[in-house]
C-alpha atoms as a PDB file:
ATOM      1  CA  MET A   1      40.161 103.838 161.280  1.00  0.00           C
ATOM      2  CA  GLY A   2      42.442 103.969 158.228  1.00  0.00           C
ATOM      3  CA  ALA A   3      42.593 102.045 154.973  1.00  0.00           C
ATOM      4  CA  LEU A   4      44.715  99.095 153.882  1.00  0.00           C
ATOM      5  CA  VAL A   5      45.303  98.453 150.193  1.00  0.00           C
ATOM      6  CA  THR A   6      47.141  95.421 148.857  1.00  0.00           C
ATOM      7  CA  LEU A   7      47.182  93.041 145.905  1.00  0.00           C
ATOM      8  CA  GLU A   8      44.794  90.128 145.964  1.00  0.00           C
ATOM      9  CA  LEU A   9      46.946  87.258 144.667  1.00  0.00           C
ATOM     10  CA  PRO A  10      46.046  83.640 144.053  1.00  0.00           C
ATOM     11  CA  ALA A  11      47.708  80.956 146.165  1.00  0.00           C
ATOM     12  CA  GLY A  12      51.082  80.062 144.714  1.00  0.00           C
ATOM     13  CA  ALA A  13      51.590  83.401 142.946  1.00  0.00           C
ATOM     14  CA  PRO A  14      55.344  84.070 142.620  1.00  0.00           C
ATOM     15  CA  GLN A  15      54.938  87.556 144.119  1.00  0.00           C
ATOM     16  CA  LEU A  16      53.990  86.027 147.448  1.00  0.00           C
ATOM     17  CA  ASP A  17      57.629  84.991 147.981  1.00  0.00           C
ATOM     18  CA  LEU A  18      59.024  88.466 147.277  1.00  0.00           C
ATOM     19  CA  PRO A  19      59.860  90.923 150.047  1.00  0.00           C
ATOM     20  CA  TRP A  20      56.983  93.335 150.720  1.00  0.00           C
ATOM     21  CA  ILE A  21      57.008  96.999 151.736  1.00  0.00           C
ATOM     22  CA  ILE A  22      54.418  99.162 153.444  1.00  0.00           C
ATOM     23  CA  THR A  23      53.888 102.746 152.408  1.00  0.00           C
ATOM     24  CA  PHE A  24      52.006 104.811 155.010  1.00  0.00           C
ATOM     25  CA  GLY A  25      50.503 108.084 153.890  1.00  0.00           C
ATOM     26  CA  PRO A  26      47.674 110.457 154.617  1.00  0.00           C
ATOM     27  CA  LEU A  27      44.163 109.141 154.169  1.00  0.00           C
ATOM     28  CA  ASP A  28      42.737 112.611 153.633  1.00  0.00           C
ATOM     29  CA  ASP A  29      43.694 114.559 150.493  1.00  0.00           C
ATOM     30  CA  ASP A  30      43.803 117.707 152.653  1.00  0.00           C
ATOM     31  CA  GLU A  31      46.784 116.410 154.610  1.00  0.00           C
ATOM     32  CA  GLU A  32      50.217 116.835 153.069  1.00  0.00           C
ATOM     33  CA  TRP A  33      53.239 114.994 154.388  1.00  0.00           C
ATOM     34  CA  GLU A  34      55.790 112.686 152.902  1.00  0.00           C
ATOM     35  CA  PRO A  35      54.765 109.028 152.932  1.00  0.00           C
ATOM     36  CA  VAL A  36      56.739 106.685 155.164  1.00  0.00           C
ATOM     37  CA  VAL A  37      58.046 103.469 153.570  1.00  0.00           C
ATOM     38  CA  CYS A  38      58.825 100.509 155.809  1.00  0.00           C
ATOM     39  CA  GLY A  39      60.261  97.096 154.993  1.00  0.00           C
ATOM     40  CA  PRO A  40      61.137  94.806 153.501  1.00  0.00           C
ATOM     41  CA  TYR A  41      58.997  92.233 155.269  1.00  0.00           C
ATOM     42  CA  GLU A  42      57.500  88.913 154.439  1.00  0.00           C
ATOM     43  CA  ARG A  43      53.924  89.430 153.237  1.00  0.00           C
ATOM     44  CA  PRO A  44      52.108  88.139 156.343  1.00  0.00           C
ATOM     45  CA  HIS A  45      54.268  90.392 158.565  1.00  0.00           C
ATOM     46  CA  ALA A  46      53.685  93.416 156.330  1.00  0.00           C
ATOM     47  CA  LEU A  47      49.932  92.883 156.336  1.00  0.00           C
ATOM     48  CA  ALA A  48      49.807  92.412 160.124  1.00  0.00           C
ATOM     49  CA  LEU A  49      51.883  95.535 160.787  1.00  0.00           C
ATOM     50  CA  ALA A  50      49.821  97.643 158.380  1.00  0.00           C
ATOM     51  CA  GLN A  51      46.543  96.366 159.865  1.00  0.00           C
ATOM     52  CA  HIS A  52      47.606  97.348 163.354  1.00  0.00           C
ATOM     53  CA  VAL A  53      48.751 100.809 162.348  1.00  0.00           C
ATOM     54  CA  VAL A  54      45.628 101.703 160.332  1.00  0.00           C
ATOM     55  CA  ALA A  55      43.333 100.262 163.007  1.00  0.00           C
ATOM     56  CA  ASP A  56      44.253 103.140 165.301  1.00  0.00           C
ATOM     57  CA  GLU A  57      45.090 105.956 162.853  1.00  0.00           C
ATOM     58  CA  ASP A  58      43.436 107.725 159.939  1.00  0.00           C
ATOM     59  CA  LEU A  59      46.168 106.617 157.535  1.00  0.00           C
ATOM     60  CA  MET A  60      46.439 104.838 154.212  1.00  0.00           C
ATOM     61  CA  ALA A  61      48.712 101.800 154.140  1.00  0.00           C
ATOM     62  CA  VAL A  62      49.712 100.285 150.808  1.00  0.00           C
ATOM     63  CA  VAL A  63      51.296  96.842 151.108  1.00  0.00           C
ATOM     64  CA  GLU A  64      53.065  95.754 147.922  1.00  0.00           C
ATOM     65  CA  PRO A  65      55.838  93.441 146.766  1.00  0.00           C
ATOM     66  CA  LEU A  66      59.313  94.838 146.370  1.00  0.00           C
ATOM     67  CA  LEU A  67      60.762  93.804 143.030  1.00  0.00           C
ATOM     68  CA  PRO A  68      64.479  93.087 143.289  1.00  0.00           C
ATOM     69  CA  ALA A  69      65.264  94.246 139.731  1.00  0.00           C
ATOM     70  CA  THR A  70      68.776  93.479 138.581  1.00  0.00           C
ATOM     71  CA  SER A  71      68.901  95.273 135.209  1.00  0.00           C
ATOM     72  CA  LEU A  72      67.675  98.400 133.468  1.00  0.00           C
ATOM     73  CA  ASP A  73      65.783  96.241 130.984  1.00  0.00           C
ATOM     74  CA  GLN A  74      63.926  94.514 133.809  1.00  0.00           C
ATOM     75  CA  ILE A  75      63.048  97.870 135.397  1.00  0.00           C
ATOM     76  CA  ARG A  76      61.842  99.267 132.072  1.00  0.00           C
ATOM     77  CA  ALA A  77      59.772  96.124 131.413  1.00  0.00           C
ATOM     78  CA  GLU A  78      58.120  96.432 134.856  1.00  0.00           C
ATOM     79  CA  ILE A  79      57.346 100.127 134.234  1.00  0.00           C
ATOM     80  CA  ALA A  80      55.818  99.290 130.843  1.00  0.00           C
ATOM     81  CA  ASN A  81      53.799  96.468 132.411  1.00  0.00           C
ATOM     82  CA  ALA A  82      52.489  98.794 135.164  1.00  0.00           C
ATOM     83  CA  GLN A  83      51.550 101.412 132.547  1.00  0.00           C
ATOM     84  CA  ASP A  84      49.751  98.807 130.462  1.00  0.00           C
ATOM     85  CA  LEU A  85      47.848  97.515 133.509  1.00  0.00           C
ATOM     86  CA  ALA A  86      46.840 101.066 134.468  1.00  0.00           C
ATOM     87  CA  ALA A  87      45.579 101.695 130.935  1.00  0.00           C
ATOM     88  CA  GLN A  88      43.593  98.419 131.021  1.00  0.00           C
ATOM     89  CA  GLU A  89      42.097  99.291 134.395  1.00  0.00           C
ATOM     90  CA  ALA A  90      41.107 102.748 133.130  1.00  0.00           C
ATOM     91  CA  ASP A  91      39.430 101.120 130.110  1.00  0.00           C
ATOM     92  CA  GLU A  92      37.589  98.707 132.414  1.00  0.00           C
ATOM     93  CA  ILE A  93      36.434 101.579 134.624  1.00  0.00           C
ATOM     94  CA  ASP A  94      35.219 103.475 131.566  1.00  0.00           C
ATOM     95  CA  ASP A  95      33.337 100.358 130.428  1.00  0.00           C
ATOM     96  CA  VAL A  96      31.701  99.996 133.835  1.00  0.00           C
ATOM     97  CA  LEU A  97      30.720 103.646 133.903  1.00  0.00           C
ATOM     98  CA  ASP A  98      29.372 103.363 130.371  1.00  0.00           C
ATOM     99  CA  ASP A  99      27.269 100.345 131.396  1.00  0.00           C
ATOM    100  CA  ASP A 100      25.834 102.463 134.263  1.00  0.00           C
ATOM    101  CA  THR A 101      25.512  99.388 136.457  1.00  0.00           C
ATOM    102  CA  ASP A 102      26.156  98.891 140.165  1.00  0.00           C
ATOM    103  CA  ASP A 103      28.101  95.647 140.103  1.00  0.00           C
ATOM    104  CA  ASP A 104      29.862  94.592 143.309  1.00  0.00           C
ATOM    105  CA  GLU A 105      32.360  92.512 141.311  1.00  0.00           C
ATOM    106  CA  HIS A 106      34.084  95.732 140.298  1.00  0.00           C
ATOM    107  CA  ASP A 107      34.540  96.946 143.847  1.00  0.00           C
ATOM    108  CA  HIS A 108      38.229  96.664 144.608  1.00  0.00           C
ATOM    109  CA  ASP A 109      38.193  98.493 147.911  1.00  0.00           C
ATOM    110  CA  HIS A 110      40.280  96.584 150.421  1.00  0.00           C
ATOM    111  CA  ASP A 111      40.007  98.964 153.333  1.00  0.00           C
ATOM    112  CA  HIS A 112      39.857  96.528 156.151  1.00  0.00           C
ATOM    113  CA  ASP A 113      39.636  92.807 156.846  1.00  0.00           C
ATOM    114  CA  ASP A 114      37.398  91.635 159.672  1.00  0.00           C
ATOM    115  CA  HIS A 115      40.317  89.812 161.249  1.00  0.00           C
ATOM    116  CA  ILE A 116      43.544  91.546 162.274  1.00  0.00           C
ATOM    117  CA  ALA A 117      46.517  89.203 162.538  1.00  0.00           C
ATOM    118  CA  GLU A 118      48.665  89.339 165.621  1.00  0.00           C
ATOM    119  CA  ALA A 119      51.475  91.841 165.248  1.00  0.00           C
ATOM    120  CA  PRO A 120      54.814  90.054 164.662  1.00  0.00           C
ATOM    121  CA  SER A 121      57.476  90.374 167.342  1.00  0.00           C
ATOM    122  CA  ALA A 122      60.902  91.927 166.687  1.00  0.00           C
ATOM    123  CA  ALA A 123      62.393  88.421 166.649  1.00  0.00           C
ATOM    124  CA  GLU A 124      59.866  87.239 164.049  1.00  0.00           C
ATOM    125  CA  LEU A 125      60.594  90.270 161.875  1.00  0.00           C
ATOM    126  CA  LYS A 126      64.352  89.693 162.105  1.00  0.00           C
ATOM    127  CA  ALA A 127      63.875  86.028 161.178  1.00  0.00           C
ATOM    128  CA  GLY A 128      61.808  87.242 158.205  1.00  0.00           C
ATOM    129  CA  PHE A 129      64.616  89.623 157.194  1.00  0.00           C
ATOM    130  CA  ALA A 130      67.025  86.668 157.200  1.00  0.00           C
ATOM    131  CA  ARG A 131      64.710  84.594 155.017  1.00  0.00           C
ATOM    132  CA  ILE A 132      64.265  87.515 152.573  1.00  0.00           C
ATOM    133  CA  SER A 133      68.019  88.022 152.428  1.00  0.00           C
ATOM    134  CA  ALA A 134      68.558  84.329 151.725  1.00  0.00           C
ATOM    135  CA  ARG A 135      65.997  84.416 148.891  1.00  0.00           C
ATOM    136  CA  LEU A 136      67.475  87.573 147.374  1.00  0.00           C
ATOM    137  CA  THR A 137      71.040  86.282 147.459  1.00  0.00           C
ATOM    138  CA  GLY A 138      70.135  82.713 146.488  1.00  0.00           C
ATOM    139  CA  SER A 139      71.735  81.380 149.702  1.00  0.00           C
END
């Protein structure tokens, strides 16, 4: 069984409406091969597809929103934001390690849900592509 990693977002988060991609890669650090990126999909479709693939394979699947950036400034701002978040997370990890506590609230491992959604059909995926296209083009 593989691992599935995704963002835990609150209901109504704007990222939920973005297109989502799945990056499949090796679960074991000893394996070396280029990751495979699939998508874009709507989030429920991406999660269902990733769950089905990792259920049968020793793979890592990362499901994340695809940001349709339309300017260099927007891309740079997103990179800076990601760097800031990584630095904050590193500080939080250091704080947890310094506290030397075993607190389950800091466990962010999202390897596997107990329920695997039904895999979407080709027709459902194509309908999702159309909805994503409409959102991206403002149609």
